[in-house]
C-alpha atoms as a PDB file:
ATOM      1  CA  MET A   1      30.915-143.756 158.030  1.00  0.00           C
ATOM      2  CA  SER A   2      32.735-140.807 159.528  1.00  0.00           C
ATOM      3  CA  GLU A   3      34.016-140.756 163.087  1.00  0.00           C
ATOM      4  CA  SER A   4      31.528-137.971 163.966  1.00  0.00           C
ATOM      5  CA  ASN A   5      28.576-140.116 162.806  1.00  0.00           C
ATOM      6  CA  LYS A   6      29.819-143.090 164.826  1.00  0.00           C
ATOM      7  CA  ALA A   7      29.893-140.979 167.966  1.00  0.00           C
ATOM      8  CA  SER A   8      26.301-139.699 167.576  1.00  0.00           C
ATOM      9  CA  HIS A   9      24.515-143.030 166.960  1.00  0.00           C
ATOM     10  CA  GLY A  10      24.163-146.177 169.073  1.00  0.00           C
ATOM     11  CA  GLY A  11      25.686-147.019 172.396  1.00  0.00           C
ATOM     12  CA  LYS A  12      24.715-145.860 175.860  1.00  0.00           C
ATOM     13  CA  ARG A  13      23.404-142.310 176.159  1.00  0.00           C
ATOM     14  CA  ALA A  14      23.093-140.265 179.338  1.00  0.00           C
ATOM     15  CA  ASN A  15      19.568-140.331 180.860  1.00  0.00           C
ATOM     16  CA  ALA A  16      18.341-142.868 178.286  1.00  0.00           C
ATOM     17  CA  GLY A  17      16.149-145.870 179.059  1.00  0.00           C
ATOM     18  CA  ARG A  18      13.330-146.565 181.511  1.00  0.00           C
ATOM     19  CA  LYS A  19      13.587-144.737 184.824  1.00  0.00           C
ATOM     20  CA  SER A  20      13.406-146.825 187.985  1.00  0.00           C
ATOM     21  CA  GLN A  21      11.417-145.672 190.989  1.00  0.00           C
ATOM     22  CA  TYR A  22      14.025-147.265 193.222  1.00  0.00           C
ATOM     23  CA  THR A  23      17.534-145.969 193.946  1.00  0.00           C
ATOM     24  CA  GLU A  24      19.054-149.441 194.021  1.00  0.00           C
ATOM     25  CA  LYS A  25      19.676-152.195 191.504  1.00  0.00           C
ATOM     26  CA  THR A  26      16.574-154.230 190.538  1.00  0.00           C
ATOM     27  CA  VAL A  27      16.384-157.926 189.663  1.00  0.00           C
ATOM     28  CA  VAL A  28      14.052-160.069 187.582  1.00  0.00           C
ATOM     29  CA  MET A  29      12.159-162.733 189.523  1.00  0.00           C
ATOM     30  CA  ARG A  30       9.813-165.497 188.377  1.00  0.00           C
ATOM     31  CA  VAL A  31       6.639-165.888 190.475  1.00  0.00           C
ATOM     32  CA  PRO A  32       3.565-168.113 190.160  1.00  0.00           C
ATOM     33  CA  GLU A  33       0.872-166.464 188.024  1.00  0.00           C
ATOM     34  CA  SER A  34      -1.658-166.778 190.846  1.00  0.00           C
ATOM     35  CA  LYS A  35       0.543-164.610 193.103  1.00  0.00           C
ATOM     36  CA  VAL A  36       1.155-161.719 190.673  1.00  0.00           C
ATOM     37  CA  MET A  37      -1.757-159.546 191.853  1.00  0.00           C
ATOM     38  CA  ALA A  38      -0.962-160.108 195.527  1.00  0.00           C
ATOM     39  CA  ILE A  39       2.659-159.105 194.971  1.00  0.00           C
ATOM     40  CA  LYS A  40       1.634-156.008 192.989  1.00  0.00           C
ATOM     41  CA  GLU A  41      -0.700-154.963 195.824  1.00  0.00           C
ATOM     42  CA  TRP A  42       2.081-155.507 198.369  1.00  0.00           C
ATOM     43  CA  LEU A  43       4.460-153.330 196.321  1.00  0.00           C
ATOM     44  CA  LYS A  44       2.026-150.403 196.147  1.00  0.00           C
ATOM     45  CA  PRO A  45       3.180-147.472 198.267  1.00  0.00           C
ATOM     46  CA  VAL A  46       1.176-147.243 201.509  1.00  0.00           C
ATOM     47  CA  PRO A  47      -0.073-143.729 202.322  1.00  0.00           C
ATOM     48  CA  GLU A  48       1.272-142.254 205.488  1.00  0.00           C
ATOM     49  CA  ASP A  49      -1.093-141.807 208.394  1.00  0.00           C
ATOM     50  CA  ASP A  50      -3.275-138.768 207.776  1.00  0.00           C
ATOM     51  CA  ARG A  51      -2.793-137.101 211.148  1.00  0.00           C
ATOM     52  CA  GLN A  52      -2.626-133.290 211.047  1.00  0.00           C
ATOM     53  CA  ASN A  53      -1.745-130.723 213.660  1.00  0.00           C
ATOM     54  CA  ASN A  54      -3.458-127.787 211.926  1.00  0.00           C
ATOM     55  CA  ILE A  55      -7.122-128.089 211.022  1.00  0.00           C
ATOM     56  CA  GLN A  56      -9.806-125.470 210.424  1.00  0.00           C
ATOM     57  CA  LEU A  57     -12.794-126.025 212.740  1.00  0.00           C
ATOM     58  CA  ASN A  58     -15.639-123.607 212.114  1.00  0.00           C
ATOM     59  CA  PRO A  59     -18.349-123.015 214.742  1.00  0.00           C
ATOM     60  CA  ILE A  60     -22.027-123.241 213.820  1.00  0.00           C
ATOM     61  CA  HIS A  61     -24.052-120.010 213.642  1.00  0.00           C
ATOM     62  CA  LEU A  62     -27.806-120.607 213.528  1.00  0.00           C
ATOM     63  CA  GLN A  63     -28.970-117.323 212.021  1.00  0.00           C
ATOM     64  CA  THR A  64     -31.903-118.338 209.848  1.00  0.00           C
ATOM     65  CA  GLU A  65     -34.803-120.787 209.823  1.00  0.00           C
ATOM     66  CA  LEU A  66     -35.752-122.654 206.684  1.00  0.00           C
ATOM     67  CA  ALA A  67     -38.914-124.749 206.895  1.00  0.00           C
ATOM     68  CA  ILE A  68     -38.840-127.554 204.317  1.00  0.00           C
ATOM     69  CA  PRO A  69     -42.139-129.395 203.654  1.00  0.00           C
ATOM     70  CA  SER A  70     -42.273-132.984 204.901  1.00  0.00           C
ATOM     71  CA  PRO A  71     -44.925-135.161 203.185  1.00  0.00           C
ATOM     72  CA  LEU A  72     -47.192-137.447 205.184  1.00  0.00           C
ATOM     73  CA  GLU A  73     -46.268-140.608 203.283  1.00  0.00           C
ATOM     74  CA  SER A  74     -42.798-142.073 202.978  1.00  0.00           C
ATOM     75  CA  VAL A  75     -41.542-142.767 199.454  1.00  0.00           C
ATOM     76  CA  ALA A  76     -39.555-145.875 198.477  1.00  0.00           C
ATOM     77  CA  ALA A  77     -36.967-144.521 196.004  1.00  0.00           C
ATOM     78  CA  GLY A  78     -39.597-144.374 193.279  1.00  0.00           C
ATOM     79  CA  PHE A  79     -42.471-142.113 192.375  1.00  0.00           C
ATOM     80  CA  PRO A  80     -44.734-140.631 195.065  1.00  0.00           C
ATOM     81  CA  SER A  81     -48.434-141.347 195.039  1.00  0.00           C
ATOM     82  CA  PRO A  82     -50.351-139.021 192.638  1.00  0.00           C
ATOM     83  CA  ALA A  83     -52.929-138.592 195.410  1.00  0.00           C
ATOM     84  CA  GLN A  84     -50.280-137.215 197.797  1.00  0.00           C
ATOM     85  CA  ASP A  85     -50.746-133.451 197.555  1.00  0.00           C
ATOM     86  CA  TYR A  86     -50.750-132.348 201.185  1.00  0.00           C
ATOM     87  CA  ILE A  87     -48.071-131.727 203.773  1.00  0.00           C
ATOM     88  CA  GLU A  88     -47.932-133.201 207.245  1.00  0.00           C
ATOM     89  CA  ASP A  89     -45.207-131.072 208.770  1.00  0.00           C
ATOM     90  CA  TYR A  90     -42.157-128.890 208.124  1.00  0.00           C
ATOM     91  CA  ILE A  91     -38.526-129.576 208.970  1.00  0.00           C
ATOM     92  CA  ASP A  92     -36.027-126.930 209.997  1.00  0.00           C
ATOM     93  CA  LEU A  93     -32.621-128.287 208.979  1.00  0.00           C
ATOM     94  CA  ASN A  94     -30.914-126.319 211.763  1.00  0.00           C
ATOM     95  CA  LYS A  95     -32.868-128.215 214.416  1.00  0.00           C
ATOM     96  CA  TYR A  96     -32.757-131.493 212.502  1.00  0.00           C
ATOM     97  CA  LEU A  97     -28.989-131.583 211.981  1.00  0.00           C
ATOM     98  CA  VAL A  98     -27.665-129.668 214.986  1.00  0.00           C
ATOM     99  CA  LYS A  99     -28.732-130.783 218.470  1.00  0.00           C
ATOM    100  CA  ASN A 100     -26.071-128.849 220.401  1.00  0.00           C
ATOM    101  CA  PRO A 101     -25.226-125.626 218.527  1.00  0.00           C
ATOM    102  CA  ALA A 102     -22.670-124.378 221.074  1.00  0.00           C
ATOM    103  CA  SER A 103     -20.606-127.584 220.793  1.00  0.00           C
ATOM    104  CA  THR A 104     -21.004-128.308 217.056  1.00  0.00           C
ATOM    105  CA  PHE A 105     -18.338-127.493 214.483  1.00  0.00           C
ATOM    106  CA  VAL A 106     -17.808-127.892 210.732  1.00  0.00           C
ATOM    107  CA  LEU A 107     -14.614-129.439 209.351  1.00  0.00           C
ATOM    108  CA  ARG A 108     -13.571-129.891 205.719  1.00  0.00           C
ATOM    109  CA  VAL A 109     -11.957-133.305 205.196  1.00  0.00           C
ATOM    110  CA  ASN A 110      -8.745-133.544 203.161  1.00  0.00           C
ATOM    111  CA  SER A 111      -8.000-137.264 203.427  1.00  0.00           C
ATOM    112  CA  LEU A 112      -9.335-140.445 201.814  1.00  0.00           C
ATOM    113  CA  SER A 113      -8.855-142.608 204.922  1.00  0.00           C
ATOM    114  CA  MET A 114     -12.652-142.770 205.500  1.00  0.00           C
ATOM    115  CA  LYS A 115     -13.653-143.190 201.849  1.00  0.00           C
ATOM    116  CA  ASN A 116     -15.531-146.467 202.397  1.00  0.00           C
ATOM    117  CA  ALA A 117     -17.665-144.767 205.059  1.00  0.00           C
ATOM    118  CA  GLY A 118     -18.823-142.254 202.430  1.00  0.00           C
ATOM    119  CA  ILE A 119     -16.441-139.449 203.459  1.00  0.00           C
ATOM    120  CA  ASP A 120     -14.353-138.161 200.557  1.00  0.00           C
ATOM    121  CA  ALA A 121     -11.648-135.512 200.442  1.00  0.00           C
ATOM    122  CA  GLY A 122     -13.375-132.140 200.168  1.00  0.00           C
ATOM    123  CA  ASP A 123     -16.519-133.201 202.059  1.00  0.00           C
ATOM    124  CA  GLN A 124     -17.571-131.204 205.092  1.00  0.00           C
ATOM    125  CA  ILE A 125     -18.619-132.933 208.296  1.00  0.00           C
ATOM    126  CA  LEU A 126     -20.462-131.810 211.425  1.00  0.00           C
ATOM    127  CA  ILE A 127     -18.745-132.696 214.696  1.00  0.00           C
ATOM    128  CA  ASP A 128     -20.481-132.526 218.098  1.00  0.00           C
ATOM    129  CA  ARG A 129     -18.118-132.251 221.073  1.00  0.00           C
ATOM    130  CA  LYS A 130     -20.876-132.851 223.619  1.00  0.00           C
ATOM    131  CA  LEU A 131     -21.540-136.444 222.557  1.00  0.00           C
ATOM    132  CA  ASN A 132     -19.720-139.414 224.066  1.00  0.00           C
ATOM    133  CA  ALA A 133     -18.186-141.753 221.493  1.00  0.00           C
ATOM    134  CA  GLU A 134     -19.738-145.205 221.259  1.00  0.00           C
ATOM    135  CA  HIS A 135     -18.517-148.318 219.447  1.00  0.00           C
ATOM    136  CA  GLY A 136     -18.815-147.767 215.689  1.00  0.00           C
ATOM    137  CA  ASP A 137     -19.063-143.963 215.788  1.00  0.00           C
ATOM    138  CA  ILE A 138     -16.922-141.906 213.448  1.00  0.00           C
ATOM    139  CA  VAL A 139     -14.869-139.507 215.539  1.00  0.00           C
ATOM    140  CA  LEU A 140     -12.339-136.716 215.365  1.00  0.00           C
ATOM    141  CA  ALA A 141      -9.475-137.950 217.527  1.00  0.00           C
ATOM    142  CA  LEU A 142      -6.544-135.989 218.897  1.00  0.00           C
ATOM    143  CA  ILE A 143      -3.313-138.006 219.086  1.00  0.00           C
ATOM    144  CA  ASN A 144      -0.245-136.210 220.460  1.00  0.00           C
ATOM    145  CA  ASN A 145      -1.675-132.859 219.269  1.00  0.00           C
ATOM    146  CA  GLU A 146      -2.478-134.210 215.789  1.00  0.00           C
ATOM    147  CA  PHE A 147      -6.035-134.699 214.512  1.00  0.00           C
ATOM    148  CA  THR A 148      -7.409-137.639 212.556  1.00  0.00           C
ATOM    149  CA  ILE A 149     -10.867-138.867 211.550  1.00  0.00           C
ATOM    150  CA  LYS A 150     -11.457-142.572 212.175  1.00  0.00           C
ATOM    151  CA  ARG A 151     -14.107-145.045 213.346  1.00  0.00           C
ATOM    152  CA  PHE A 152     -14.066-145.591 217.116  1.00  0.00           C
ATOM    153  CA  MET A 153     -13.843-149.311 217.917  1.00  0.00           C
ATOM    154  CA  GLN A 154     -13.999-151.012 221.324  1.00  0.00           C
ATOM    155  CA  ASP A 155     -12.914-154.538 222.171  1.00  0.00           C
ATOM    156  CA  LYS A 156     -13.968-156.214 225.424  1.00  0.00           C
ATOM    157  CA  HIS A 157     -11.172-157.817 227.417  1.00  0.00           C
ATOM    158  CA  THR A 158     -11.150-160.585 230.001  1.00  0.00           C
ATOM    159  CA  ASP A 159     -10.667-158.128 232.876  1.00  0.00           C
ATOM    160  CA  ASN A 160     -14.172-156.741 232.129  1.00  0.00           C
ATOM    161  CA  GLY A 161     -12.613-153.598 230.697  1.00  0.00           C
ATOM    162  CA  PHE A 162     -12.611-152.212 227.185  1.00  0.00           C
ATOM    163  CA  LYS A 163      -9.750-151.333 224.909  1.00  0.00           C
ATOM    164  CA  PHE A 164     -10.335-148.970 221.990  1.00  0.00           C
ATOM    165  CA  TRP A 165      -8.655-148.484 218.640  1.00  0.00           C
ATOM    166  CA  LEU A 166      -9.284-146.305 215.590  1.00  0.00           C
ATOM    167  CA  LYS A 167     -10.268-147.910 212.304  1.00  0.00           C
ATOM    168  CA  ALA A 168      -9.559-146.438 208.872  1.00  0.00           C
ATOM    169  CA  GLU A 169     -12.335-147.054 206.350  1.00  0.00           C
ATOM    170  CA  ASN A 170      -9.925-147.428 203.467  1.00  0.00           C
ATOM    171  CA  PRO A 171      -7.547-150.420 203.244  1.00  0.00           C
ATOM    172  CA  ASP A 172      -4.777-148.160 201.918  1.00  0.00           C
ATOM    173  CA  TYR A 173      -4.553-146.395 205.288  1.00  0.00           C
ATOM    174  CA  PRO A 174      -3.421-147.904 208.585  1.00  0.00           C
ATOM    175  CA  ASP A 175      -5.631-148.457 211.624  1.00  0.00           C
ATOM    176  CA  ILE A 176      -4.398-146.806 214.816  1.00  0.00           C
ATOM    177  CA  TYR A 177      -3.777-148.868 217.932  1.00  0.00           C
ATOM    178  CA  PRO A 178      -2.907-146.599 220.891  1.00  0.00           C
ATOM    179  CA  ARG A 179       0.479-147.141 222.485  1.00  0.00           C
ATOM    180  CA  GLY A 180       1.192-146.506 226.126  1.00  0.00           C
ATOM    181  CA  GLU A 181       3.219-143.353 225.547  1.00  0.00           C
ATOM    182  CA  GLU A 182       0.631-141.703 223.291  1.00  0.00           C
ATOM    183  CA  ASN A 183      -1.761-139.040 224.509  1.00  0.00           C
ATOM    184  CA  ILE A 184      -5.119-139.772 222.835  1.00  0.00           C
ATOM    185  CA  ALA A 185      -8.433-137.970 223.270  1.00  0.00           C
ATOM    186  CA  ILE A 186     -11.717-138.165 221.362  1.00  0.00           C
ATOM    187  CA  TRP A 187     -12.331-134.531 220.428  1.00  0.00           C
ATOM    188  CA  GLY A 188     -15.852-135.017 219.050  1.00  0.00           C
ATOM    189  CA  VAL A 189     -18.286-137.329 217.283  1.00  0.00           C
ATOM    190  CA  VAL A 190     -19.152-136.916 213.587  1.00  0.00           C
ATOM    191  CA  ILE A 191     -22.922-136.523 213.313  1.00  0.00           C
ATOM    192  CA  CYS A 192     -23.393-135.619 209.663  1.00  0.00           C
ATOM    193  CA  ILE A 193     -21.617-135.617 206.288  1.00  0.00           C
ATOM    194  CA  LEU A 194     -22.470-132.551 204.221  1.00  0.00           C
ATOM    195  CA  LYS A 195     -22.244-133.901 200.686  1.00  0.00           C
ATOM    196  CA  LYS A 196     -23.820-132.278 197.648  1.00  0.00           C
ATOM    197  CA  LEU A 197     -24.925-134.668 194.909  1.00  0.00           C
ATOM    198  CA  LYS A 198     -25.315-131.897 192.362  1.00  0.00           C
END
């Protein structure tokens, strides 16, 4: 075999082999089989908090009325009665969805932190600034001039007061527990998720 062939085959080549996601040396470790999944979950990268300082809030403009027929009988996720061929009333979605037009805004969500509450990235939500947040409400919170959507939670304390925190509805995202130096305000309460199924 010629010297040129020896140089082109075998041995260590630049940029060859599996690429590591870490910048430091890795080691092999033996772990109990029952702990493998827990360790893999622990090693998953945790998303950063989804706070934003620039969001697009659009005001509501009630320009049209659309009366949608509302049948007299309720239907249990099946087929309606064949005898049901008359209408009891009509619903105007403007009045049904928006109680306070001057204080209601639309926001498009771009985070998955509330996925388990049915809010996906790309969904639009209605937010009413006039409503006071109650335990369990989904809210738009303002933390040090950054916005985030979370569930408003209140815990009762022994001094007869309440302490609140903000819960993410996705285990990949952190809950937010206010610290003394943080400036936190509840900007509005989410009243509706605008989600098209088709």
